[in-house]
Amino acid sequence: MIDALRCIMLDFDGTIAETERFGQRVAYNRAFSELGLEWNWSEEIYGDLLSVAGGKERLLYYLERYHPERLSDASTPDLIIEIHRAKIKHFA
């Protein structure tokens, strides 16, 4: 039996701090630029993309909606991984 509450854990990312709009989205746009992609996630687009959990899954969803022609390219899975790595670097 627990006698007292010892701690409270909160999810700060996107909950306490606005890291989605001003952090993650900006980091994705920097990653796109770094990799020579002419993509830009506006706040409106990113708001739609937030319905998908997970960075790589979000990128795939973006491609399905905005660049479906890229899905037939055999290098797309590697591109998703490369974008995600670059985004993590820019977010850090």
N, C-alpha and C. Protein backbone atom coordinates (compact mmCIF):
# COMPACT_ATOMS: atom_id res chain seq x y z
N MET A 1 0.83 -1.18 0.00
CA MET A 1 0.00 0.00 0.00
C MET A 1 0.88 1.25 0.00
N ILE A 2 0.52 2.19 -0.85
CA ILE A 2 1.27 3.44 -0.93
C ILE A 2 0.62 4.45 0.01
N ASP A 3 1.43 4.98 0.92
CA ASP A 3 0.91 5.92 1.92
C ASP A 3 0.83 7.36 1.41
N ALA A 4 1.76 7.73 0.54
CA ALA A 4 1.79 9.11 0.09
C ALA A 4 2.26 9.19 -1.36
N LEU A 5 1.80 10.18 -2.00
CA LEU A 5 2.24 10.43 -3.35
C LEU A 5 3.67 10.95 -3.30
N ARG A 6 4.57 10.30 -4.03
CA ARG A 6 5.98 10.68 -3.98
C ARG A 6 6.40 11.54 -5.16
N CYS A 7 5.73 11.38 -6.29
CA CYS A 7 6.09 12.20 -7.44
C CYS A 7 4.95 12.23 -8.44
N ILE A 8 5.03 13.20 -9.30
CA ILE A 8 4.10 13.31 -10.42
C ILE A 8 4.96 13.40 -11.68
N MET A 9 4.65 12.60 -12.67
CA MET A 9 5.38 12.63 -13.93
C MET A 9 4.49 13.26 -14.98
N LEU A 10 5.06 14.22 -15.68
CA LEU A 10 4.33 14.92 -16.73
C LEU A 10 5.05 14.76 -18.05
N ASP A 11 4.29 14.78 -19.10
CA ASP A 11 4.85 14.76 -20.45
C ASP A 11 5.00 16.21 -20.89
N PHE A 12 6.23 16.72 -20.87
CA PHE A 12 6.47 18.12 -21.20
C PHE A 12 6.40 18.38 -22.70
N ASP A 13 6.81 17.42 -23.51
CA ASP A 13 6.91 17.60 -24.95
C ASP A 13 5.53 17.79 -25.55
N GLY A 14 5.20 19.03 -25.87
CA GLY A 14 3.91 19.33 -26.47
C GLY A 14 2.80 19.50 -25.45
N THR A 15 3.09 19.31 -24.17
CA THR A 15 2.08 19.45 -23.13
C THR A 15 2.33 20.70 -22.31
N ILE A 16 3.46 20.76 -21.65
CA ILE A 16 3.83 21.92 -20.86
C ILE A 16 4.54 22.95 -21.73
N ALA A 17 5.42 22.49 -22.56
CA ALA A 17 6.16 23.37 -23.48
C ALA A 17 5.64 23.15 -24.90
N GLU A 18 5.52 24.22 -25.66
CA GLU A 18 5.02 24.13 -27.04
C GLU A 18 6.17 23.70 -27.95
N THR A 19 6.52 22.44 -27.85
CA THR A 19 7.65 21.93 -28.64
C THR A 19 7.21 21.43 -30.01
N GLU A 20 5.95 21.15 -30.19
CA GLU A 20 5.51 20.66 -31.49
C GLU A 20 5.61 21.75 -32.55
N ARG A 21 4.93 22.85 -32.33
CA ARG A 21 4.87 23.92 -33.33
C ARG A 21 6.20 24.65 -33.46
N PHE A 22 6.85 24.95 -32.34
CA PHE A 22 8.06 25.77 -32.37
C PHE A 22 9.35 24.96 -32.28
N GLY A 23 9.25 23.67 -32.10
CA GLY A 23 10.43 22.82 -31.99
C GLY A 23 10.47 21.74 -33.05
N GLN A 24 9.59 20.78 -32.94
CA GLN A 24 9.59 19.64 -33.85
C GLN A 24 9.36 20.09 -35.30
N ARG A 25 8.36 20.91 -35.52
CA ARG A 25 8.03 21.37 -36.88
C ARG A 25 9.21 22.12 -37.50
N VAL A 26 9.81 23.00 -36.74
CA VAL A 26 10.97 23.75 -37.22
C VAL A 26 12.13 22.81 -37.53
N ALA A 27 12.34 21.82 -36.67
CA ALA A 27 13.42 20.85 -36.88
C ALA A 27 13.19 20.04 -38.15
N TYR A 28 11.95 19.65 -38.40
CA TYR A 28 11.64 18.94 -39.66
C TYR A 28 11.96 19.84 -40.85
N ASN A 29 11.54 21.09 -40.81
CA ASN A 29 11.80 22.00 -41.94
C ASN A 29 13.29 22.21 -42.16
N ARG A 30 14.06 22.26 -41.09
CA ARG A 30 15.52 22.38 -41.23
C ARG A 30 16.11 21.10 -41.83
N ALA A 31 15.58 19.97 -41.42
CA ALA A 31 16.04 18.69 -41.99
C ALA A 31 15.74 18.63 -43.48
N PHE A 32 14.54 19.05 -43.87
CA PHE A 32 14.19 19.06 -45.29
C PHE A 32 15.18 19.92 -46.08
N SER A 33 15.46 21.10 -45.57
CA SER A 33 16.39 22.02 -46.23
C SER A 33 17.78 21.41 -46.33
N GLU A 34 18.24 20.83 -45.23
CA GLU A 34 19.57 20.21 -45.21
C GLU A 34 19.69 19.12 -46.26
N LEU A 35 18.61 18.39 -46.48
CA LEU A 35 18.64 17.26 -47.42
C LEU A 35 18.23 17.67 -48.84
N GLY A 36 18.07 18.97 -49.06
CA GLY A 36 17.76 19.45 -50.40
C GLY A 36 16.32 19.22 -50.83
N LEU A 37 15.43 19.03 -49.88
CA LEU A 37 14.02 18.83 -50.19
C LEU A 37 13.29 20.17 -50.11
N GLU A 38 12.48 20.46 -51.08
CA GLU A 38 11.75 21.73 -51.11
C GLU A 38 10.39 21.58 -50.43
N TRP A 39 10.39 20.97 -49.27
CA TRP A 39 9.18 20.78 -48.49
C TRP A 39 9.19 21.78 -47.35
N ASN A 40 8.01 22.20 -46.94
CA ASN A 40 7.88 23.07 -45.78
C ASN A 40 6.59 22.73 -45.07
N TRP A 41 6.71 22.39 -43.80
CA TRP A 41 5.53 22.08 -43.01
C TRP A 41 5.06 23.35 -42.33
N SER A 42 3.97 23.91 -42.85
CA SER A 42 3.33 25.07 -42.21
C SER A 42 2.67 24.59 -40.92
N GLU A 43 2.22 25.54 -40.12
CA GLU A 43 1.52 25.16 -38.89
C GLU A 43 0.25 24.39 -39.22
N GLU A 44 -0.41 24.75 -40.31
CA GLU A 44 -1.64 24.07 -40.71
C GLU A 44 -1.35 22.62 -41.12
N ILE A 45 -0.35 22.42 -41.95
CA ILE A 45 0.00 21.06 -42.36
C ILE A 45 0.44 20.24 -41.16
N TYR A 46 1.29 20.83 -40.31
CA TYR A 46 1.79 20.08 -39.16
C TYR A 46 0.65 19.74 -38.20
N GLY A 47 -0.31 20.64 -38.08
CA GLY A 47 -1.48 20.33 -37.25
C GLY A 47 -2.19 19.09 -37.73
N ASP A 48 -2.32 18.94 -39.03
CA ASP A 48 -2.93 17.73 -39.61
C ASP A 48 -2.05 16.51 -39.34
N LEU A 49 -0.75 16.68 -39.49
CA LEU A 49 0.18 15.56 -39.32
C LEU A 49 0.22 15.06 -37.88
N LEU A 50 -0.12 15.91 -36.93
CA LEU A 50 -0.09 15.50 -35.53
C LEU A 50 -1.13 14.43 -35.20
N SER A 51 -2.03 14.16 -36.12
CA SER A 51 -3.00 13.08 -35.91
C SER A 51 -2.32 11.71 -36.00
N VAL A 52 -1.07 11.70 -36.46
CA VAL A 52 -0.30 10.46 -36.61
C VAL A 52 0.81 10.44 -35.56
N ALA A 53 0.86 9.38 -34.77
CA ALA A 53 1.89 9.25 -33.74
C ALA A 53 3.17 8.66 -34.34
N GLY A 54 4.29 9.22 -33.95
CA GLY A 54 5.58 8.69 -34.39
C GLY A 54 6.15 9.47 -35.55
N GLY A 55 7.42 9.82 -35.46
CA GLY A 55 8.06 10.64 -36.48
C GLY A 55 8.12 10.00 -37.85
N LYS A 56 8.56 8.76 -37.92
CA LYS A 56 8.67 8.08 -39.22
C LYS A 56 7.28 7.83 -39.80
N GLU A 57 6.35 7.48 -38.95
CA GLU A 57 4.98 7.25 -39.40
C GLU A 57 4.36 8.56 -39.91
N ARG A 58 4.69 9.65 -39.25
CA ARG A 58 4.19 10.97 -39.67
C ARG A 58 4.76 11.34 -41.03
N LEU A 59 6.03 11.05 -41.24
CA LEU A 59 6.65 11.32 -42.55
C LEU A 59 5.98 10.49 -43.65
N LEU A 60 5.71 9.23 -43.38
CA LEU A 60 5.04 8.38 -44.36
C LEU A 60 3.65 8.92 -44.68
N TYR A 61 2.93 9.32 -43.66
CA TYR A 61 1.60 9.90 -43.85
C TYR A 61 1.68 11.17 -44.71
N TYR A 62 2.68 12.00 -44.45
CA TYR A 62 2.89 13.21 -45.25
C TYR A 62 3.11 12.85 -46.72
N LEU A 63 3.96 11.86 -46.96
CA LEU A 63 4.20 11.45 -48.34
C LEU A 63 2.93 10.93 -48.99
N GLU A 64 2.17 10.14 -48.27
CA GLU A 64 0.92 9.60 -48.82
C GLU A 64 -0.04 10.72 -49.21
N ARG A 65 -0.10 11.79 -48.42
CA ARG A 65 -1.05 12.88 -48.67
C ARG A 65 -0.54 13.93 -49.64
N TYR A 66 0.75 14.25 -49.56
CA TYR A 66 1.26 15.40 -50.30
C TYR A 66 2.24 15.06 -51.42
N HIS A 67 2.85 13.89 -51.38
CA HIS A 67 3.81 13.49 -52.41
C HIS A 67 3.66 11.99 -52.71
N PRO A 68 2.48 11.55 -53.11
CA PRO A 68 2.26 10.11 -53.32
C PRO A 68 3.17 9.51 -54.39
N GLU A 69 3.66 10.34 -55.31
CA GLU A 69 4.56 9.84 -56.35
C GLU A 69 5.86 9.30 -55.75
N ARG A 70 6.24 9.76 -54.57
CA ARG A 70 7.48 9.31 -53.92
C ARG A 70 7.36 7.89 -53.36
N LEU A 71 6.14 7.42 -53.16
CA LEU A 71 5.94 6.11 -52.54
C LEU A 71 6.43 4.96 -53.40
N SER A 72 6.47 5.16 -54.71
CA SER A 72 6.94 4.09 -55.59
C SER A 72 8.46 4.07 -55.73
N ASP A 73 9.13 5.07 -55.17
CA ASP A 73 10.59 5.16 -55.23
C ASP A 73 11.19 4.21 -54.19
N ALA A 74 12.06 3.33 -54.63
CA ALA A 74 12.66 2.33 -53.73
C ALA A 74 13.50 2.97 -52.63
N SER A 75 13.95 4.20 -52.83
CA SER A 75 14.80 4.85 -51.82
C SER A 75 14.00 5.57 -50.73
N THR A 76 12.68 5.60 -50.86
CA THR A 76 11.85 6.35 -49.91
C THR A 76 12.00 5.87 -48.46
N PRO A 77 12.00 4.56 -48.18
CA PRO A 77 12.19 4.15 -46.78
C PRO A 77 13.50 4.68 -46.18
N ASP A 78 14.57 4.68 -46.98
CA ASP A 78 15.84 5.22 -46.51
C ASP A 78 15.76 6.73 -46.32
N LEU A 79 15.04 7.41 -47.21
CA LEU A 79 14.87 8.85 -47.09
C LEU A 79 14.14 9.20 -45.80
N ILE A 80 13.10 8.45 -45.48
CA ILE A 80 12.36 8.68 -44.24
C ILE A 80 13.29 8.57 -43.03
N ILE A 81 14.12 7.56 -43.02
CA ILE A 81 15.08 7.38 -41.91
C ILE A 81 16.06 8.54 -41.87
N GLU A 82 16.55 8.96 -43.02
CA GLU A 82 17.51 10.06 -43.09
C GLU A 82 16.89 11.37 -42.61
N ILE A 83 15.67 11.65 -43.02
CA ILE A 83 14.97 12.86 -42.57
C ILE A 83 14.80 12.83 -41.07
N HIS A 84 14.37 11.67 -40.56
CA HIS A 84 14.11 11.56 -39.13
C HIS A 84 15.39 11.77 -38.32
N ARG A 85 16.49 11.21 -38.77
CA ARG A 85 17.78 11.42 -38.08
C ARG A 85 18.17 12.89 -38.09
N ALA A 86 18.02 13.53 -39.24
CA ALA A 86 18.36 14.95 -39.34
C ALA A 86 17.45 15.79 -38.45
N LYS A 87 16.17 15.43 -38.39
CA LYS A 87 15.23 16.17 -37.53
C LYS A 87 15.63 16.06 -36.08
N ILE A 88 16.02 14.87 -35.65
CA ILE A 88 16.45 14.68 -34.26
C ILE A 88 17.67 15.57 -33.96
N LYS A 89 18.60 15.61 -34.89
CA LYS A 89 19.80 16.45 -34.72
C LYS A 89 19.41 17.93 -34.57
N HIS A 90 18.50 18.40 -35.41
CA HIS A 90 18.11 19.79 -35.37
C HIS A 90 17.24 20.11 -34.15
N PHE A 91 16.53 19.13 -33.64
CA PHE A 91 15.68 19.35 -32.47
C PHE A 91 16.51 19.40 -31.18
N ALA A 92 17.64 18.70 -31.19
CA ALA A 92 18.47 18.62 -29.97
C ALA A 92 19.07 19.89 -29.58
